[in-house]
């Protein structure tokens, strides 16, 4: 294997590592958003219908991120 292949392999591993880090941050933000929606619902600032709709959208976004990471 020559030096160009080593650099390419290192670059690809770095890109994958950065993607995993970014996805981890995105999922943590998604969890934080779900917690905020729960607080808004509990204090009456968010209707049950809107809470469910936003919760479903948040869940679907999270699942799409997870699926995107696995492919």
N, C-alpha and C. Protein backbone atom coordinates (compact mmCIF):
# COMPACT_ATOMS: atom_id res chain seq x y z
N UNK A 1 0.86 -1.17 0.00
CA UNK A 1 0.00 0.00 0.00
C UNK A 1 0.91 1.24 0.00
N UNK A 2 0.64 2.18 -0.88
CA UNK A 2 1.48 3.37 -0.91
C UNK A 2 0.87 4.49 -0.06
N UNK A 3 1.63 5.57 0.11
CA UNK A 3 1.24 6.62 1.06
C UNK A 3 -0.11 7.26 0.72
N UNK A 4 -0.46 7.34 -0.56
CA UNK A 4 -1.75 7.92 -0.94
C UNK A 4 -2.92 7.10 -0.41
N UNK A 5 -2.78 5.79 -0.44
CA UNK A 5 -3.84 4.93 0.10
C UNK A 5 -3.96 5.08 1.61
N UNK A 6 -2.84 5.24 2.30
CA UNK A 6 -2.88 5.43 3.75
C UNK A 6 -3.58 6.74 4.10
N UNK A 7 -3.26 7.79 3.36
CA UNK A 7 -3.89 9.09 3.62
C UNK A 7 -5.39 9.01 3.36
N UNK A 8 -5.79 8.36 2.28
CA UNK A 8 -7.21 8.22 1.95
C UNK A 8 -7.93 7.44 3.04
N UNK A 9 -7.33 6.37 3.51
CA UNK A 9 -7.94 5.55 4.55
C UNK A 9 -8.09 6.37 5.84
N UNK A 10 -7.06 7.15 6.19
CA UNK A 10 -7.12 8.00 7.38
C UNK A 10 -8.20 9.06 7.22
N UNK A 11 -8.27 9.68 6.03
CA UNK A 11 -9.27 10.71 5.77
C UNK A 11 -10.68 10.13 5.89
N UNK A 12 -10.91 8.97 5.31
CA UNK A 12 -12.23 8.33 5.38
C UNK A 12 -12.61 8.01 6.82
N UNK A 13 -11.66 7.53 7.62
CA UNK A 13 -11.93 7.22 9.03
C UNK A 13 -12.25 8.50 9.80
N UNK A 14 -11.55 9.59 9.47
CA UNK A 14 -11.79 10.87 10.14
C UNK A 14 -13.18 11.39 9.80
N UNK A 15 -13.56 11.30 8.54
CA UNK A 15 -14.89 11.76 8.11
C UNK A 15 -15.97 10.95 8.82
N UNK A 16 -15.81 9.64 8.90
CA UNK A 16 -16.78 8.79 9.57
C UNK A 16 -16.87 9.15 11.05
N UNK A 17 -15.73 9.39 11.69
CA UNK A 17 -15.70 9.76 13.09
C UNK A 17 -16.42 11.09 13.32
N UNK A 18 -16.20 12.06 12.43
CA UNK A 18 -16.88 13.35 12.54
C UNK A 18 -18.38 13.19 12.37
N UNK A 19 -18.80 12.33 11.45
CA UNK A 19 -20.22 12.10 11.24
C UNK A 19 -20.86 11.51 12.50
N UNK A 20 -20.22 10.53 13.09
CA UNK A 20 -20.75 9.91 14.31
C UNK A 20 -20.85 10.95 15.42
N UNK A 21 -19.84 11.80 15.55
CA UNK A 21 -19.86 12.85 16.58
C UNK A 21 -21.03 13.81 16.33
N UNK A 22 -21.21 14.24 15.10
CA UNK A 22 -22.31 15.16 14.77
C UNK A 22 -23.67 14.51 15.01
N UNK A 23 -23.82 13.25 14.65
CA UNK A 23 -25.09 12.55 14.88
C UNK A 23 -25.37 12.40 16.37
N UNK A 24 -24.34 12.16 17.16
CA UNK A 24 -24.51 12.05 18.61
C UNK A 24 -25.02 13.37 19.18
N UNK A 25 -24.46 14.47 18.73
CA UNK A 25 -24.90 15.79 19.18
C UNK A 25 -26.34 16.04 18.73
N UNK A 26 -26.67 15.68 17.49
CA UNK A 26 -28.03 15.88 16.98
C UNK A 26 -29.04 15.07 17.79
N UNK A 27 -28.71 13.84 18.13
CA UNK A 27 -29.63 13.02 18.92
C UNK A 27 -29.79 13.57 20.33
N UNK A 28 -28.73 14.11 20.90
CA UNK A 28 -28.83 14.73 22.22
C UNK A 28 -29.73 15.96 22.16
N UNK A 29 -29.62 16.74 21.11
CA UNK A 29 -30.49 17.90 20.94
C UNK A 29 -31.94 17.47 20.78
N UNK A 30 -32.15 16.38 20.08
CA UNK A 30 -33.50 15.85 19.90
C UNK A 30 -34.09 15.45 21.26
N UNK A 31 -33.30 14.80 22.09
CA UNK A 31 -33.76 14.42 23.43
C UNK A 31 -34.09 15.66 24.26
N UNK A 32 -33.27 16.69 24.14
CA UNK A 32 -33.51 17.93 24.88
C UNK A 32 -34.81 18.58 24.42
N UNK A 33 -35.06 18.56 23.11
CA UNK A 33 -36.30 19.12 22.57
C UNK A 33 -37.51 18.36 23.10
N UNK A 34 -37.41 17.04 23.16
CA UNK A 34 -38.53 16.24 23.71
C UNK A 34 -38.80 16.62 25.16
N UNK A 35 -37.75 16.85 25.93
CA UNK A 35 -37.92 17.24 27.33
C UNK A 35 -38.59 18.61 27.43
N UNK A 36 -38.20 19.54 26.57
CA UNK A 36 -38.82 20.87 26.58
C UNK A 36 -40.30 20.80 26.20
N UNK A 37 -40.62 19.98 25.21
CA UNK A 37 -42.03 19.81 24.83
C UNK A 37 -42.83 19.27 26.00
N UNK A 38 -42.26 18.32 26.72
CA UNK A 38 -42.93 17.76 27.89
C UNK A 38 -43.19 18.81 28.95
N UNK A 39 -42.23 19.67 29.19
CA UNK A 39 -42.42 20.75 30.18
C UNK A 39 -43.51 21.72 29.74
N UNK A 40 -43.51 22.08 28.46
CA UNK A 40 -44.54 22.98 27.95
C UNK A 40 -45.93 22.36 28.09
N UNK A 41 -46.03 21.08 27.83
CA UNK A 41 -47.31 20.38 27.96
C UNK A 41 -47.76 20.35 29.43
N UNK A 42 -46.84 20.00 30.31
CA UNK A 42 -47.18 19.89 31.74
C UNK A 42 -47.64 21.21 32.34
N UNK A 43 -47.08 22.33 31.89
CA UNK A 43 -47.49 23.62 32.46
C UNK A 43 -48.64 24.25 31.69
N UNK A 44 -49.20 23.55 30.70
CA UNK A 44 -50.39 24.01 30.00
C UNK A 44 -50.12 24.96 28.84
N UNK A 45 -48.87 25.17 28.47
CA UNK A 45 -48.55 26.07 27.37
C UNK A 45 -48.67 25.39 26.00
N UNK A 46 -48.87 24.09 26.01
CA UNK A 46 -48.94 23.32 24.77
C UNK A 46 -50.12 22.36 24.87
N UNK A 47 -51.03 22.43 23.89
CA UNK A 47 -52.19 21.54 23.92
C UNK A 47 -51.77 20.09 23.73
N UNK A 48 -52.63 19.19 24.16
CA UNK A 48 -52.34 17.76 24.04
C UNK A 48 -52.16 17.36 22.57
N UNK A 49 -53.03 17.91 21.71
CA UNK A 49 -52.96 17.59 20.28
C UNK A 49 -51.64 18.06 19.67
N UNK A 50 -51.27 19.29 19.98
CA UNK A 50 -50.01 19.84 19.44
C UNK A 50 -48.80 19.10 20.03
N UNK A 51 -48.88 18.76 21.31
CA UNK A 51 -47.81 18.01 21.97
C UNK A 51 -47.58 16.68 21.26
N UNK A 52 -48.67 15.98 20.98
CA UNK A 52 -48.56 14.68 20.29
C UNK A 52 -48.00 14.84 18.88
N UNK A 53 -48.47 15.88 18.16
CA UNK A 53 -48.00 16.11 16.80
C UNK A 53 -46.51 16.44 16.79
N UNK A 54 -46.08 17.35 17.66
CA UNK A 54 -44.66 17.71 17.72
C UNK A 54 -43.81 16.55 18.21
N UNK A 55 -44.35 15.77 19.14
CA UNK A 55 -43.64 14.58 19.62
C UNK A 55 -43.42 13.58 18.50
N UNK A 56 -44.45 13.38 17.67
CA UNK A 56 -44.34 12.45 16.54
C UNK A 56 -43.30 12.95 15.53
N UNK A 57 -43.31 14.24 15.26
CA UNK A 57 -42.33 14.80 14.32
C UNK A 57 -40.91 14.66 14.87
N UNK A 58 -40.76 14.91 16.16
CA UNK A 58 -39.44 14.77 16.78
C UNK A 58 -38.97 13.32 16.70
N UNK A 59 -39.87 12.39 17.01
CA UNK A 59 -39.54 10.96 16.95
C UNK A 59 -39.14 10.56 15.53
N UNK A 60 -39.94 10.98 14.55
CA UNK A 60 -39.64 10.62 13.16
C UNK A 60 -38.30 11.19 12.70
N UNK A 61 -37.99 12.42 13.14
CA UNK A 61 -36.70 13.01 12.80
C UNK A 61 -35.57 12.18 13.40
N UNK A 62 -35.72 11.83 14.66
CA UNK A 62 -34.69 11.03 15.34
C UNK A 62 -34.48 9.70 14.62
N UNK A 63 -35.56 9.02 14.26
CA UNK A 63 -35.45 7.74 13.56
C UNK A 63 -34.76 7.91 12.21
N UNK A 64 -35.06 9.00 11.51
CA UNK A 64 -34.42 9.25 10.22
C UNK A 64 -32.92 9.45 10.38
N UNK A 65 -32.52 10.14 11.45
CA UNK A 65 -31.09 10.35 11.71
C UNK A 65 -30.43 9.01 12.00
N UNK A 66 -31.07 8.18 12.81
CA UNK A 66 -30.51 6.87 13.15
C UNK A 66 -30.39 6.01 11.89
N UNK A 67 -31.45 5.98 11.07
CA UNK A 67 -31.41 5.19 9.83
C UNK A 67 -30.31 5.70 8.91
N UNK A 68 -30.16 7.02 8.83
CA UNK A 68 -29.13 7.61 7.98
C UNK A 68 -27.74 7.23 8.43
N UNK A 69 -27.56 7.10 9.73
CA UNK A 69 -26.26 6.73 10.28
C UNK A 69 -25.92 5.28 9.96
N UNK A 70 -26.92 4.41 9.94
CA UNK A 70 -26.69 2.98 9.72
C UNK A 70 -26.41 2.65 8.27
N UNK A 71 -26.81 3.53 7.35
CA UNK A 71 -26.61 3.23 5.93
C UNK A 71 -25.32 3.78 5.42
